[in-house]
Protein backbone atom coordinates (compact mmCIF):
# COMPACT_ATOMS: atom_id res chain seq x y z
CA MET A 1 -70.61 -59.87 -42.21
CA ARG A 2 -71.00 -59.96 -38.45
CA LYS A 3 -68.09 -62.34 -38.16
CA ILE A 4 -65.89 -60.02 -40.15
CA LEU A 5 -66.73 -57.05 -37.89
CA ALA A 6 -66.03 -59.02 -34.71
CA THR A 7 -62.73 -60.20 -36.09
CA GLY A 8 -61.77 -56.63 -36.91
CA LEU A 9 -62.68 -55.16 -33.54
CA LEU A 10 -60.79 -57.71 -31.47
CA PRO A 11 -57.33 -56.25 -32.07
CA CYS A 12 -58.60 -52.78 -31.03
CA VAL A 13 -60.03 -54.04 -27.77
CA LEU A 14 -56.84 -55.91 -26.93
CA PHE A 15 -54.80 -52.77 -27.66
CA LEU A 16 -56.90 -50.61 -25.34
CA LEU A 17 -56.70 -53.16 -22.54
CA PHE A 18 -52.94 -53.39 -22.93
CA ALA A 19 -52.59 -49.57 -22.91
CA ALA A 20 -54.69 -49.20 -19.76
CA SER A 21 -52.59 -51.88 -18.08
CA ALA A 22 -49.43 -50.08 -19.07
CA VAL A 23 -50.64 -46.77 -17.61
CA ALA A 24 -51.66 -48.33 -14.29
CA ALA A 25 -48.34 -50.11 -13.85
CA GLY A 26 -45.57 -48.44 -11.78
CA PRO A 27 -45.29 -46.45 -8.47
CA GLU A 28 -47.79 -43.77 -7.48
CA LEU A 29 -47.80 -41.57 -4.36
CA SER A 30 -50.52 -40.22 -2.13
CA LEU A 31 -50.06 -37.71 0.74
CA SER A 32 -52.02 -37.54 3.97
CA PRO A 33 -53.25 -35.22 5.33
CA SER A 34 -53.90 -33.15 2.26
CA PRO A 35 -54.33 -30.23 2.39
CA VAL A 36 -52.11 -29.48 5.42
CA SER A 37 -53.32 -26.81 7.88
CA PHE A 38 -51.01 -25.70 10.70
CA GLU A 39 -52.04 -24.40 14.13
CA LYS A 40 -51.92 -20.66 14.77
CA THR A 41 -48.33 -19.67 15.38
CA THR A 42 -46.74 -16.54 16.81
CA ALA A 43 -44.78 -14.62 14.18
CA GLY A 44 -41.08 -15.22 14.68
CA GLU A 45 -41.65 -18.66 16.25
CA GLU A 46 -42.14 -22.18 14.86
CA SER A 47 -45.15 -24.42 15.16
CA SER A 48 -44.93 -27.90 16.55
CA GLU A 49 -43.73 -30.49 14.04
CA LEU A 50 -46.31 -32.04 11.72
CA ALA A 51 -45.81 -35.50 10.15
CA LEU A 52 -47.04 -35.99 6.59
CA ASP A 53 -47.62 -39.60 5.54
CA VAL A 54 -46.44 -40.62 2.06
CA GLN A 55 -47.81 -43.91 0.61
CA ASN A 56 -46.97 -45.72 -2.61
CA THR A 57 -50.39 -46.65 -3.96
CA GLY A 58 -48.99 -47.96 -7.24
CA ASP A 59 -48.23 -51.56 -8.20
CA ALA A 60 -44.46 -51.19 -8.33
CA GLY A 61 -41.71 -49.79 -6.21
CA GLY A 62 -40.08 -46.46 -6.90
CA SER A 63 -37.45 -44.02 -5.73
CA ILE A 64 -38.38 -40.60 -4.36
CA ASP A 65 -36.25 -38.07 -6.15
CA SER A 66 -36.99 -34.83 -4.27
CA THR A 67 -39.20 -33.14 -1.70
CA ALA A 68 -39.73 -29.40 -2.06
CA ILE A 69 -41.84 -26.55 -0.69
CA GLU A 70 -43.12 -24.30 -3.45
CA GLY A 71 -45.37 -21.30 -3.80
CA SER A 72 -45.63 -17.68 -2.71
CA ASP A 73 -44.80 -18.12 1.01
CA THR A 74 -42.17 -20.83 0.80
CA SER A 75 -39.96 -19.11 3.41
CA ASP A 76 -42.73 -19.35 6.00
CA PHE A 77 -42.78 -23.17 5.91
CA LYS A 78 -39.92 -25.39 6.90
CA PHE A 79 -38.97 -28.87 5.59
CA ASN A 80 -37.79 -30.67 8.70
CA GLY A 81 -36.55 -33.93 7.28
CA SER A 82 -37.80 -37.21 5.74
CA ASP A 83 -37.21 -40.94 5.86
CA CYS A 84 -38.37 -41.44 2.28
CA GLY A 85 -36.05 -43.11 -0.26
CA TRP A 86 -36.93 -46.26 -2.19
CA ILE A 87 -40.56 -47.10 -1.48
CA GLU A 88 -42.18 -50.41 -2.44
CA ALA A 89 -45.77 -50.69 -3.57
CA GLY A 90 -48.10 -50.31 -0.58
CA GLN A 91 -45.36 -49.03 1.75
CA HIS A 92 -45.28 -45.71 3.69
CA CYS A 93 -42.69 -43.11 4.60
CA THR A 94 -42.84 -39.77 6.43
CA VAL A 95 -42.04 -36.13 5.70
CA TRP A 96 -41.82 -33.71 8.66
CA LEU A 97 -42.82 -30.05 8.32
CA ARG A 98 -43.06 -26.93 10.46
CA PHE A 99 -44.79 -23.58 10.06
CA ALA A 100 -42.25 -20.80 10.74
CA PRO A 101 -43.85 -17.45 9.81
CA ALA A 102 -41.69 -14.35 9.80
CA SER A 103 -44.61 -11.92 9.88
CA VAL A 104 -48.26 -11.73 10.87
CA GLY A 105 -50.88 -12.93 8.40
CA THR A 106 -52.21 -15.93 6.48
CA LYS A 107 -49.53 -17.91 4.62
CA ALA A 108 -49.85 -20.48 1.80
CA ALA A 109 -47.53 -22.80 -0.11
CA SER A 110 -47.45 -26.42 -1.34
CA LEU A 111 -45.37 -29.53 -0.77
CA ALA A 112 -44.26 -31.53 -3.82
CA VAL A 113 -42.91 -35.09 -3.50
CA ARG A 114 -41.44 -36.36 -6.78
CA LEU A 115 -40.60 -39.89 -8.00
CA LYS A 116 -37.87 -40.74 -10.47
CA GLU A 117 -40.09 -43.28 -12.15
CA GLY A 118 -43.55 -41.75 -11.81
CA PRO A 119 -45.74 -38.72 -11.22
CA GLU A 120 -45.29 -36.27 -8.32
CA ALA A 121 -47.72 -35.85 -5.42
CA THR A 122 -48.59 -32.44 -3.96
CA ALA A 123 -50.36 -31.13 -0.84
CA ALA A 124 -51.44 -27.57 -0.14
CA LEU A 125 -49.91 -25.94 2.98
CA SER A 126 -51.56 -23.13 4.96
CA GLY A 127 -51.11 -21.38 8.32
CA THR A 128 -51.97 -18.20 10.19
CA ALA A 129 -49.34 -16.14 11.98
CA VAL A 130 -50.41 -13.93 14.91
CA ALA A 131 -48.67 -11.31 17.02
CA PRO A 132 -47.52 -12.18 20.57
CA GLN A 133 -49.47 -10.64 23.43
CA LEU A 134 -48.66 -10.49 27.15
CA SER A 135 -50.80 -8.90 29.85
CA PHE A 136 -49.80 -7.88 33.37
CA GLY A 137 -51.74 -8.18 36.57
CA PRO A 138 -51.91 -5.51 37.77
CA ALA A 139 -51.22 -3.36 34.71
CA THR A 140 -49.96 -0.62 37.05
CA LEU A 141 -48.11 -1.61 40.22
CA ASP A 142 -48.28 1.24 42.76
CA PHE A 143 -46.13 0.81 45.86
CA GLY A 144 -47.70 3.86 47.54
CA ILE A 145 -45.61 5.70 50.13
CA GLN A 146 -42.48 3.82 51.12
CA ARG A 147 -39.96 5.04 53.72
CA VAL A 148 -36.80 6.32 52.04
CA TYR A 149 -33.93 3.85 51.79
CA ASP A 150 -36.20 0.96 52.83
CA ASN A 151 -36.93 -1.89 50.39
CA ARG A 152 -40.41 -3.12 49.60
CA SER A 153 -41.32 -5.95 47.20
CA GLU A 154 -44.55 -6.63 45.31
CA GLY A 155 -45.56 -9.26 42.76
CA LEU A 156 -46.60 -8.99 39.10
CA GLN A 157 -48.31 -11.78 37.16
CA VAL A 158 -47.47 -12.07 33.46
CA THR A 159 -49.99 -13.95 31.27
CA ASN A 160 -49.88 -14.98 27.62
CA SER A 161 -53.14 -13.42 26.44
CA GLY A 162 -52.43 -14.05 22.75
CA GLU A 163 -53.80 -16.71 20.38
CA ALA A 164 -50.59 -18.75 20.14
CA GLY A 165 -47.66 -19.80 22.28
CA ALA A 166 -44.95 -17.23 23.01
CA ARG A 167 -41.33 -17.54 24.11
CA ILE A 168 -40.16 -15.38 27.03
CA GLY A 169 -36.98 -13.40 26.43
CA SER A 170 -35.32 -10.80 28.65
CA VAL A 171 -36.91 -9.39 31.83
CA GLY A 172 -35.99 -6.10 33.52
CA THR A 173 -36.95 -2.52 34.40
CA GLY A 174 -36.59 0.73 32.48
CA GLY A 175 -37.70 4.34 32.48
CA LYS A 176 -36.53 7.48 34.24
CA ASP A 177 -36.41 5.97 37.75
CA SER A 178 -35.29 2.46 36.84
CA SER A 179 -32.49 2.64 39.43
CA ASN A 180 -35.13 2.63 42.18
CA PHE A 181 -37.02 -0.43 40.89
CA TRP A 182 -35.60 -3.83 40.01
CA VAL A 183 -36.74 -7.41 39.40
CA SER A 184 -35.53 -9.23 42.49
CA SER A 185 -37.00 -12.65 41.66
CA ASN A 186 -39.04 -14.28 38.89
CA ASP A 187 -39.95 -17.49 37.12
CA CYS A 188 -40.29 -15.82 33.70
CA TRP A 189 -36.85 -17.11 32.77
CA GLY A 190 -35.44 -16.56 29.33
CA GLY A 191 -36.54 -19.21 26.83
CA ARG A 192 -39.61 -20.26 28.80
CA TRP A 193 -42.56 -21.14 26.55
CA LEU A 194 -45.99 -19.84 27.61
CA ALA A 195 -49.03 -21.44 26.03
CA PRO A 196 -52.12 -19.24 25.57
CA GLY A 197 -53.55 -18.48 29.04
CA GLU A 198 -50.42 -19.64 30.87
CA SER A 199 -48.72 -17.29 33.38
CA CYS A 200 -45.42 -16.62 35.10
CA TRP A 201 -44.57 -14.04 37.79
CA LEU A 202 -42.12 -11.28 38.69
CA GLN A 203 -41.16 -9.87 42.08
CA VAL A 204 -40.33 -6.17 41.81
CA THR A 205 -38.54 -4.27 44.60
CA PHE A 206 -38.81 -0.51 45.22
CA ASN A 207 -36.29 1.61 47.15
CA PRO A 208 -36.79 5.40 47.18
CA TRP A 209 -33.98 7.83 47.89
CA ALA A 210 -35.95 11.00 48.63
CA MET A 211 -39.42 12.28 49.50
CA GLN A 212 -40.72 12.43 45.93
CA GLY A 213 -42.65 10.44 43.32
CA TYR A 214 -40.96 7.70 41.26
CA GLU A 215 -42.00 6.05 37.99
CA ALA A 216 -40.53 3.26 35.87
CA ILE A 217 -41.66 0.24 33.85
CA ALA A 218 -41.24 -3.52 34.22
CA THR A 219 -40.54 -5.05 30.79
CA VAL A 220 -40.88 -8.64 29.58
CA HIS A 221 -40.03 -9.59 25.99
CA ALA A 222 -42.11 -12.24 24.25
CA SER A 223 -40.93 -13.50 20.86
CA ASN A 224 -38.67 -10.41 20.65
CA VAL A 225 -41.57 -8.00 21.30
CA PRO A 226 -41.47 -5.91 24.53
CA PHE A 227 -44.47 -5.64 26.88
CA SER A 228 -44.50 -3.36 29.91
CA ALA A 229 -46.31 -2.62 33.18
CA THR A 230 -46.11 0.77 34.90
CA LEU A 231 -44.32 0.99 38.26
CA LEU A 232 -45.14 3.84 40.66
CA GLY A 233 -44.04 4.74 44.17
CA THR A 234 -43.41 7.65 46.50
CA GLY A 235 -40.53 8.14 48.90
CA GLY A 236 -41.79 8.89 52.39
CA GLU A 237 -40.38 10.33 55.58
CA ALA A 238 -41.35 12.36 58.60
CA VAL A 239 -39.78 15.83 58.57
CA LEU A 240 -40.32 17.68 61.85
CA ALA A 241 -39.11 21.23 61.58
CA PRO A 242 -39.45 24.35 63.77
CA ALA A 243 -40.88 27.60 62.47
CA THR A 244 -37.46 29.23 63.01
CA ASN A 245 -34.00 27.86 63.44
CA PRO A 246 -32.04 29.01 65.40
CA VAL A 247 -34.31 29.98 68.29
CA GLU A 248 -33.27 33.30 69.83
CA PHE A 249 -33.65 33.73 73.60
CA GLY A 250 -32.21 37.25 73.76
CA ALA A 251 -30.37 38.48 76.85
CA ALA A 252 -30.87 37.19 80.38
CA ALA A 253 -29.13 38.02 83.66
CA VAL A 254 -26.83 35.48 85.16
CA GLY A 255 -28.60 33.89 88.11
CA GLY A 256 -32.03 35.22 87.10
CA GLU A 257 -35.25 33.28 86.74
CA GLY A 258 -34.53 32.61 83.05
CA GLN A 259 -36.67 32.90 79.98
CA VAL A 260 -38.87 30.06 78.59
CA ARG A 261 -39.47 29.70 74.89
CA THR A 262 -42.12 27.47 73.31
CA ILE A 263 -40.65 25.74 70.25
CA ALA A 264 -43.27 24.27 67.92
CA LEU A 265 -42.30 21.58 65.42
CA THR A 266 -44.57 20.58 62.53
CA ASN A 267 -44.34 17.37 60.52
CA GLU A 268 -43.76 18.68 56.99
CA GLY A 269 -43.23 15.16 55.64
CA ASN A 270 -45.68 12.73 54.06
CA MET A 271 -45.72 9.98 56.67
CA ALA A 272 -46.01 9.78 60.43
CA GLY A 273 -42.85 9.71 62.52
CA ALA A 274 -41.89 9.48 66.15
CA TYR A 275 -38.96 10.61 68.25
CA PHE A 276 -37.77 8.47 71.11
CA ILE A 277 -35.65 11.08 72.88
CA ALA A 278 -35.16 14.86 73.11
CA VAL A 279 -32.03 16.38 74.66
CA VAL A 280 -30.21 19.68 75.02
CA ALA A 281 -26.58 19.09 74.11
CA GLY A 282 -23.36 20.66 72.89
CA GLY A 283 -21.69 24.00 73.54
CA ASP A 284 -23.20 25.85 76.49
CA VAL A 285 -25.51 23.02 77.51
CA GLY A 286 -25.52 24.25 81.12
CA SER A 287 -27.31 27.48 80.16
CA PHE A 288 -30.35 25.81 78.52
CA GLU A 289 -32.87 23.47 80.12
CA LEU A 290 -35.54 21.36 78.44
CA ILE A 291 -38.51 21.72 80.76
CA ASP A 292 -41.00 19.50 78.91
CA GLU A 293 -42.01 18.42 75.41
CA SER A 294 -44.69 16.49 73.53
CA CYS A 295 -42.55 15.26 70.63
CA THR A 296 -41.49 11.82 71.94
CA GLY A 297 -43.38 8.62 72.46
CA GLU A 298 -46.26 9.08 70.01
CA PRO A 299 -46.12 9.24 66.19
CA ILE A 300 -46.76 12.69 64.76
CA ALA A 301 -48.95 12.59 61.65
CA PRO A 302 -48.18 14.69 58.55
CA GLY A 303 -49.30 18.27 59.22
CA ALA A 304 -49.51 17.73 62.99
CA SER A 305 -47.32 19.57 65.53
CA CYS A 306 -45.64 19.07 68.85
CA VAL A 307 -44.00 21.55 71.24
CA ALA A 308 -40.93 21.77 73.45
CA HIS A 309 -40.44 24.29 76.29
CA VAL A 310 -36.85 25.38 76.82
CA ARG A 311 -35.56 27.73 79.54
CA PHE A 312 -32.54 29.98 79.02
CA ASP A 313 -30.71 30.41 82.32
CA PRO A 314 -27.14 31.51 81.56
CA VAL A 315 -24.48 30.36 83.97
CA GLY A 316 -22.04 33.00 82.83
CA VAL A 317 -21.65 36.23 80.92
CA GLY A 318 -21.44 36.26 77.12
CA ALA A 319 -22.96 34.53 74.10
CA LYS A 320 -24.37 31.07 74.75
CA VAL A 321 -25.14 28.43 72.13
CA ALA A 322 -26.47 24.87 72.44
CA ARG A 323 -28.71 22.49 70.48
CA LEU A 324 -32.07 20.90 71.06
CA ALA A 325 -31.65 17.47 69.45
CA LEU A 326 -34.47 15.04 68.73
CA PHE A 327 -33.73 11.50 67.59
CA GLY A 328 -36.31 9.37 65.75
CA GLU A 329 -36.77 5.92 64.31
CA SER A 330 -34.91 6.79 61.11
CA GLY A 331 -32.92 9.56 59.52
CA PRO A 332 -30.47 11.97 61.15
CA GLY A 333 -33.04 13.50 63.53
CA THR A 334 -33.73 17.18 64.05
CA MET A 335 -31.26 19.78 65.37
CA ILE A 336 -32.51 23.14 66.60
CA PHE A 337 -29.90 25.72 67.57
CA LEU A 338 -30.51 27.67 70.77
CA ARG A 339 -28.87 31.09 71.18
CA GLY A 340 -28.85 33.62 73.99
CA SER A 341 -26.62 36.11 75.80
CA GLY A 342 -25.76 36.13 79.51
CA GLU A 343 -25.50 39.53 81.20
CA PRO A 344 -24.16 40.47 84.63
CA ALA A 345 -26.75 40.35 87.39
CA ALA A 346 -28.00 43.70 88.77
CA LEU A 347 -26.43 44.81 92.11
CA THR A 348 -28.27 46.01 95.26
CA PRO A 349 -27.17 49.06 97.33
CA GLU A 350 -24.32 48.57 99.77
CA SER A 351 -25.10 46.52 102.86
CA HIS A 352 -25.54 48.13 106.34
CA ASP A 353 -21.99 47.41 107.33
CA GLY A 354 -20.50 48.95 104.17
CA ALA A 355 -19.20 45.63 102.91
CA THR A 356 -19.00 44.60 99.24
CA PRO A 357 -22.41 44.72 97.48
CA VAL A 358 -24.17 41.44 96.88
CA PRO A 359 -26.34 40.49 93.88
CA ALA A 360 -30.03 41.18 94.05
CA LYS A 361 -30.57 37.43 93.69
CA LYS A 362 -28.21 34.60 94.31
CA ALA A 363 -26.05 33.97 91.31
CA LEU A 364 -26.69 30.27 91.58
CA ARG A 365 -30.23 29.34 92.43
CA LYS A 366 -30.92 26.10 94.15
CA ARG A 367 -31.61 23.27 91.78
CA GLY A 368 -34.32 20.76 92.56
CA ARG A 369 -33.97 17.05 92.77
CA PHE A 370 -34.63 14.67 89.86
CA ALA A 371 -38.22 13.46 89.78
CA ARG A 372 -37.15 9.97 88.69
CA GLY A 373 -34.13 9.43 90.83
CA ALA A 374 -30.84 11.10 91.53
CA THR A 375 -28.94 9.34 88.75
CA LEU A 376 -29.65 10.30 85.15
CA ARG A 377 -28.80 7.81 82.45
CA ALA A 378 -29.26 8.63 78.80
CA PRO A 379 -30.76 5.94 76.52
CA LEU A 380 -28.32 3.74 74.67
CA PRO A 381 -28.98 5.27 71.19
CA CYS A 382 -28.24 8.69 72.69
CA LYS A 383 -24.92 7.46 74.07
CA ARG A 384 -23.95 6.02 70.71
CA ALA A 385 -24.70 9.31 69.01
CA LYS A 386 -22.25 11.07 71.37
CA LEU A 387 -24.67 13.99 71.45
CA CYS A 388 -25.79 13.38 75.01
CA GLU A 389 -22.45 14.22 76.57
CA ARG A 390 -23.05 17.03 79.02
CA ALA A 391 -26.73 16.90 77.99
CA ARG A 392 -29.83 17.60 80.01
CA VAL A 393 -32.34 14.85 79.21
CA PHE A 394 -36.01 15.72 79.44
CA ARG A 395 -36.97 12.37 80.86
CA ALA A 396 -35.39 13.32 84.19
CA ARG A 397 -37.44 16.46 84.79
CA VAL A 398 -36.28 18.75 87.59
CA VAL A 399 -38.89 19.40 90.31
CA GLY A 400 -39.08 21.17 93.68
């Protein structure tokens, strides 16, 4: 009986062994790594390339029919090529992949590698997409007060403060006063890749046109997203102005002692300024004399004042006009008009011999000598301005 049972079971055992051998025969693939996890990547950019190893763990060679990315976020992963074709048992080939997210968030898909003669192999794919982020140092670049029409440059540091690498795009300035600020130099060139924590720099130049505040922005694009820093500055100048202009001297007799007016000038600007010369020039220059002044040589702070003393001593009858001109380190200077009227001198009674009456005082009083020499030479800038022709220059004060 036992012999009969053993004889009957033998064919069954042989069949099962043959079937198991038949299933095990042929090519079979394995993928490594599996699952595949990509590094954090900025949305709109691509990750670095990842190599996926494919091995034939079967006992026969086979031909790889297709390689495909499947799943809900297939468009966010990129098949970047393969060297897989016919693969012998035990051999390896490679599939290259990239993570290329179009939007922020966690993405998932799968890679399927299929054989013509055997089962497919799959690996899960995942990655996280983040937004780009740049930060500026400083976040607000304030140039302070800058003299009008003078350039001044300051630096801005641009840092990738995001979680993933970012690609630099265009660099420039914008805003309402963008014509007064510009990027004059930088190493944030288009296409430059900044890893997290890496920095580049901009040099921004400011040039104001008037005594007023200016505001703009410096903009750097990263992965097509703009990031900005605020730019501020104020145009500065010294504006020395008299309380009245013109200055009226009224009427004075020809040959008289003359009238002296004190002309006060106040700096109504927002930065200190200095004049290097003050002259009376133009028109009836001979009828006005600059006696002294405190407006040259030392800078005059905003809100501070200086004075000039001018004598009106007409050399003839009629209306007289000249200018008190002050020239500084920049700008057109200050022009103050001087106006007065010359009248005939009063006459004394006839002389003892009945001759023609003579003036009460000599029509032409004696002039003193120059305190600093007999020859008066105007400074070179004054000569160039052609406003010192026929001018009385304060620096050669008359004495005696």
